[in-house]
Amino acid sequence: MRTTLNIDDKILAEVIEATGEKSKSKAVNMALARYVRQKKIENLLSMAGNMEIDDTSVEQARVDKQREERIEKLWRERS
């Protein structure tokens, strides 16, 4: 999307240097993407300790194994 923005020349030069991009557009897009990512990370970190997360990986592995065994059994029965 094309947008006309008034960006301070010094800040734009810093963004270009920080991102290593040669294109102003790419540099600004990269900087914005990094900013949004950082805000999302901060948001997740602020939730630390506020949620209880159950580790269901062992149960999921058991269910996956059962499903694979059922599929294998069906294939054997068809052969």
Protein backbone atom coordinates (compact mmCIF):
# COMPACT_ATOMS: atom_id res chain seq x y z
CA MET A 1 0.00 0.00 0.00
CA ARG A 2 1.37 3.35 -0.94
CA THR A 3 1.29 5.99 1.76
CA THR A 4 2.86 9.41 1.96
CA LEU A 5 4.59 9.97 5.27
CA ASN A 6 6.63 12.82 6.68
CA ILE A 7 9.55 11.12 8.38
CA ASP A 8 12.37 13.03 10.00
CA ASP A 9 15.47 12.65 7.80
CA LYS A 10 17.72 11.84 10.76
CA ILE A 11 15.39 9.10 12.01
CA LEU A 12 15.04 7.65 8.52
CA ALA A 13 18.83 7.61 8.14
CA GLU A 14 19.11 5.77 11.48
CA VAL A 15 16.47 3.26 10.40
CA ILE A 16 18.29 2.61 7.12
CA GLU A 17 21.57 2.15 8.99
CA ALA A 18 20.04 -0.05 11.69
CA THR A 19 18.26 -2.34 9.23
CA GLY A 20 21.05 -2.48 6.69
CA GLU A 21 18.52 -1.99 3.90
CA LYS A 22 19.31 0.29 0.99
CA SER A 23 15.70 0.93 0.06
CA LYS A 24 13.89 3.45 2.27
CA SER A 25 10.64 1.54 1.83
CA LYS A 26 12.18 -1.80 2.83
CA ALA A 27 13.95 -0.20 5.79
CA VAL A 28 10.74 1.37 7.09
CA ASN A 29 8.77 -1.85 6.56
CA MET A 30 11.44 -3.86 8.39
CA ALA A 31 11.53 -1.36 11.26
CA LEU A 32 7.76 -1.44 11.58
CA ALA A 33 7.69 -5.23 11.52
CA ARG A 34 10.37 -5.38 14.23
CA TYR A 35 8.44 -2.84 16.30
CA VAL A 36 5.22 -4.85 16.07
CA ARG A 37 7.09 -8.07 16.92
CA GLN A 38 8.69 -6.43 19.95
CA LYS A 39 5.30 -5.15 21.17
CA LYS A 40 3.84 -8.67 20.83
CA ILE A 41 6.76 -10.09 22.81
CA GLU A 42 6.29 -7.46 25.52
CA ASN A 43 2.59 -8.30 25.65
CA LEU A 44 3.34 -12.01 26.08
CA LEU A 45 5.94 -11.30 28.75
CA SER A 46 3.48 -9.14 30.64
CA MET A 47 1.16 -12.14 30.88
CA ALA A 48 3.85 -14.29 32.51
CA GLY A 49 2.48 -15.76 35.70
CA ASN A 50 -1.07 -14.74 34.85
CA MET A 51 -1.99 -17.94 33.08
CA GLU A 52 -1.73 -21.58 33.89
CA ILE A 53 -0.71 -23.68 30.93
CA ASP A 54 -1.11 -27.43 31.08
CA ASP A 55 1.59 -29.48 29.40
CA THR A 56 -0.40 -31.98 27.33
CA SER A 57 2.54 -33.20 25.24
CA VAL A 58 2.68 -36.62 26.94
CA GLU A 59 -1.07 -37.14 26.51
CA GLN A 60 -0.90 -35.94 22.90
CA ALA A 61 1.95 -38.35 22.16
CA ARG A 62 -0.13 -41.22 23.59
CA VAL A 63 -3.14 -40.26 21.47
CA ASP A 64 -0.96 -39.92 18.37
CA LYS A 65 0.54 -43.36 18.95
CA GLN A 66 -2.91 -44.91 19.38
CA ARG A 67 -4.09 -43.29 16.16
CA GLU A 68 -1.05 -44.54 14.26
CA GLU A 69 -1.60 -48.05 15.61
CA ARG A 70 -5.27 -48.00 14.52
CA ILE A 71 -4.32 -46.80 11.04
CA GLU A 72 -1.61 -49.45 10.76
CA LYS A 73 -4.09 -52.12 11.88
CA LEU A 74 -6.61 -50.98 9.24
CA TRP A 75 -3.92 -51.13 6.53
CA ARG A 76 -2.94 -54.65 7.60
CA GLU A 77 -6.59 -55.77 7.52
CA ARG A 78 -7.02 -54.41 3.98
CA SER A 79 -3.93 -56.22 2.69
